[in-house]
Amino acid sequence: MGNPNAFTKWIKTNLLLVFTFIGVILGAVLGVSLRPVNLSKKSILLLSYPGELFMRLLGLMILPLIIASLITGAASLNAKLNGKMALRTIVYFLSTSLVSS
């Protein structure tokens, strides 16, 4: 067995990861256990609201992360390559965004 202090330290440093996994597992168990119960539309809406909110928040975070990584990557290039690469990156990003929507 490992050192219990190391495990506790790992849990403290990765607390968000641990809570995310616990939430996923609890959500799956809750979904499977409530499947046979005939819930009303309002109950289903109330149960699904936190998950929908979380997914929308993740969606809102994606675009700023992509833009920030593109700016960081473009800033690390020299001036001559920067123009060509920026144009290619913008065209690629816009085309994949159009295809995905």
C-alpha atoms as a PDB file:
ATOM      1  CA  MET A   1       0.000   0.000   0.000  1.00  0.00           C
ATOM      2  CA  GLY A   2       1.036   3.568  -0.544  1.00  0.00           C
ATOM      3  CA  ASN A   3       1.508   6.353   1.886  1.00  0.00           C
ATOM      4  CA  PRO A   4      -1.884   7.643   3.168  1.00  0.00           C
ATOM      5  CA  ASN A   5      -0.493  11.182   3.324  1.00  0.00           C
ATOM      6  CA  ALA A   6       0.367  11.030  -0.384  1.00  0.00           C
ATOM      7  CA  PHE A   7      -3.184   9.914  -1.189  1.00  0.00           C
ATOM      8  CA  THR A   8      -4.664  12.740   0.884  1.00  0.00           C
ATOM      9  CA  LYS A   9      -2.363  15.239  -0.804  1.00  0.00           C
ATOM     10  CA  TRP A  10      -3.384  13.922  -4.245  1.00  0.00           C
ATOM     11  CA  ILE A  11      -7.075  14.254  -3.328  1.00  0.00           C
ATOM     12  CA  LYS A  12      -6.545  17.842  -2.158  1.00  0.00           C
ATOM     13  CA  THR A  13      -4.697  18.854  -5.323  1.00  0.00           C
ATOM     14  CA  ASN A  14      -7.208  17.135  -7.633  1.00  0.00           C
ATOM     15  CA  LEU A  15     -10.400  17.956  -5.759  1.00  0.00           C
ATOM     16  CA  LEU A  16     -12.225  19.273  -8.829  1.00  0.00           C
ATOM     17  CA  LEU A  17     -11.408  16.106 -10.741  1.00  0.00           C
ATOM     18  CA  VAL A  18     -12.618  13.939  -7.865  1.00  0.00           C
ATOM     19  CA  PHE A  19     -15.889  15.880  -7.562  1.00  0.00           C
ATOM     20  CA  THR A  20     -16.403  15.671 -11.328  1.00  0.00           C
ATOM     21  CA  PHE A  21     -16.033  11.885 -11.304  1.00  0.00           C
ATOM     22  CA  ILE A  22     -18.316  11.594  -8.273  1.00  0.00           C
ATOM     23  CA  GLY A  23     -20.919  13.740 -10.040  1.00  0.00           C
ATOM     24  CA  VAL A  24     -20.738  11.632 -13.192  1.00  0.00           C
ATOM     25  CA  ILE A  25     -21.080   8.391 -11.238  1.00  0.00           C
ATOM     26  CA  LEU A  26     -23.958   9.736  -9.121  1.00  0.00           C
ATOM     27  CA  GLY A  27     -25.695  11.071 -12.224  1.00  0.00           C
ATOM     28  CA  ALA A  28     -25.414   7.709 -13.979  1.00  0.00           C
ATOM     29  CA  VAL A  29     -26.697   5.833 -10.914  1.00  0.00           C
ATOM     30  CA  LEU A  30     -29.555   8.305 -10.492  1.00  0.00           C
ATOM     31  CA  GLY A  31     -30.449   8.052 -14.170  1.00  0.00           C
ATOM     32  CA  VAL A  32     -30.489   4.254 -14.148  1.00  0.00           C
ATOM     33  CA  SER A  33     -32.419   4.058 -10.875  1.00  0.00           C
ATOM     34  CA  LEU A  34     -35.060   6.593 -11.962  1.00  0.00           C
ATOM     35  CA  ARG A  35     -35.582   5.033 -15.397  1.00  0.00           C
ATOM     36  CA  PRO A  36     -38.436   2.699 -14.305  1.00  0.00           C
ATOM     37  CA  VAL A  37     -40.206   5.505 -12.402  1.00  0.00           C
ATOM     38  CA  ASN A  38     -42.649   7.485 -14.523  1.00  0.00           C
ATOM     39  CA  LEU A  39     -41.626  11.043 -13.727  1.00  0.00           C
ATOM     40  CA  SER A  40     -43.580  14.079 -14.864  1.00  0.00           C
ATOM     41  CA  LYS A  41     -42.189  16.492 -17.421  1.00  0.00           C
ATOM     42  CA  LYS A  42     -41.614  19.083 -14.691  1.00  0.00           C
ATOM     43  CA  SER A  43     -39.623  16.622 -12.553  1.00  0.00           C
ATOM     44  CA  ILE A  44     -37.472  15.642 -15.519  1.00  0.00           C
ATOM     45  CA  LEU A  45     -36.874  19.310 -16.302  1.00  0.00           C
ATOM     46  CA  LEU A  46     -35.835  20.047 -12.711  1.00  0.00           C
ATOM     47  CA  LEU A  47     -33.482  17.044 -12.608  1.00  0.00           C
ATOM     48  CA  SER A  48     -31.873  17.843 -15.960  1.00  0.00           C
ATOM     49  CA  TYR A  49     -31.379  21.577 -15.315  1.00  0.00           C
ATOM     50  CA  PRO A  50     -27.975  21.380 -13.539  1.00  0.00           C
ATOM     51  CA  GLY A  51     -26.548  19.184 -16.296  1.00  0.00           C
ATOM     52  CA  GLU A  52     -27.850  21.466 -19.029  1.00  0.00           C
ATOM     53  CA  LEU A  53     -26.413  24.490 -17.245  1.00  0.00           C
ATOM     54  CA  PHE A  54     -23.027  22.781 -16.894  1.00  0.00           C
ATOM     55  CA  MET A  55     -22.951  21.812 -20.592  1.00  0.00           C
ATOM     56  CA  ARG A  56     -23.833  25.358 -21.653  1.00  0.00           C
ATOM     57  CA  LEU A  57     -21.102  26.780 -19.420  1.00  0.00           C
ATOM     58  CA  LEU A  58     -18.590  24.393 -20.988  1.00  0.00           C
ATOM     59  CA  GLY A  59     -19.729  25.497 -24.411  1.00  0.00           C
ATOM     60  CA  LEU A  60     -19.209  29.144 -23.460  1.00  0.00           C
ATOM     61  CA  MET A  61     -15.657  28.399 -22.318  1.00  0.00           C
ATOM     62  CA  ILE A  62     -14.534  26.663 -25.514  1.00  0.00           C
ATOM     63  CA  LEU A  63     -14.379  29.672 -27.847  1.00  0.00           C
ATOM     64  CA  PRO A  64     -12.227  31.871 -25.555  1.00  0.00           C
ATOM     65  CA  LEU A  65      -9.859  28.937 -24.951  1.00  0.00           C
ATOM     66  CA  ILE A  66      -9.471  28.354 -28.698  1.00  0.00           C
ATOM     67  CA  ILE A  67      -8.881  32.048 -29.395  1.00  0.00           C
ATOM     68  CA  ALA A  68      -6.331  32.298 -26.575  1.00  0.00           C
ATOM     69  CA  SER A  69      -4.428  29.250 -27.851  1.00  0.00           C
ATOM     70  CA  LEU A  70      -4.437  30.663 -31.393  1.00  0.00           C
ATOM     71  CA  ILE A  71      -3.081  34.002 -30.179  1.00  0.00           C
ATOM     72  CA  THR A  72      -0.417  32.283 -28.085  1.00  0.00           C
ATOM     73  CA  GLY A  73       0.635  30.109 -31.004  1.00  0.00           C
ATOM     74  CA  ALA A  74       0.721  33.064 -33.398  1.00  0.00           C
ATOM     75  CA  ALA A  75       2.787  35.140 -30.958  1.00  0.00           C
ATOM     76  CA  SER A  76       5.465  32.447 -30.815  1.00  0.00           C
ATOM     77  CA  LEU A  77       6.045  32.519 -34.608  1.00  0.00           C
ATOM     78  CA  ASN A  78       8.318  34.919 -36.450  1.00  0.00           C
ATOM     79  CA  ALA A  79       6.821  37.786 -38.477  1.00  0.00           C
ATOM     80  CA  LYS A  80       7.032  36.163 -41.947  1.00  0.00           C
ATOM     81  CA  LEU A  81       5.459  32.875 -40.916  1.00  0.00           C
ATOM     82  CA  ASN A  82       2.972  34.641 -38.704  1.00  0.00           C
ATOM     83  CA  GLY A  83       0.953  36.127 -41.568  1.00  0.00           C
ATOM     84  CA  LYS A  84       0.712  32.886 -43.549  1.00  0.00           C
ATOM     85  CA  MET A  85      -0.012  30.767 -40.520  1.00  0.00           C
ATOM     86  CA  ALA A  86      -2.583  33.215 -39.153  1.00  0.00           C
ATOM     87  CA  LEU A  87      -4.469  33.220 -42.442  1.00  0.00           C
ATOM     88  CA  ARG A  88      -4.435  29.420 -42.643  1.00  0.00           C
ATOM     89  CA  THR A  89      -5.511  29.112 -39.022  1.00  0.00           C
ATOM     90  CA  ILE A  90      -8.388  31.567 -39.397  1.00  0.00           C
ATOM     91  CA  VAL A  91      -9.600  29.868 -42.586  1.00  0.00           C
ATOM     92  CA  TYR A  92      -9.371  26.451 -40.924  1.00  0.00           C
ATOM     93  CA  PHE A  93     -11.145  27.629 -37.782  1.00  0.00           C
ATOM     94  CA  LEU A  94     -13.961  29.319 -39.702  1.00  0.00           C
ATOM     95  CA  SER A  95     -14.467  26.373 -42.046  1.00  0.00           C
ATOM     96  CA  THR A  96     -14.617  23.835 -39.217  1.00  0.00           C
ATOM     97  CA  SER A  97     -16.989  26.109 -37.295  1.00  0.00           C
ATOM     98  CA  LEU A  98     -19.275  26.362 -40.316  1.00  0.00           C
ATOM     99  CA  VAL A  99     -19.228  22.606 -40.857  1.00  0.00           C
ATOM    100  CA  SER A 100     -19.972  21.874 -37.199  1.00  0.00           C
ATOM    101  CA  SER A 101     -22.962  24.221 -37.112  1.00  0.00           C
END
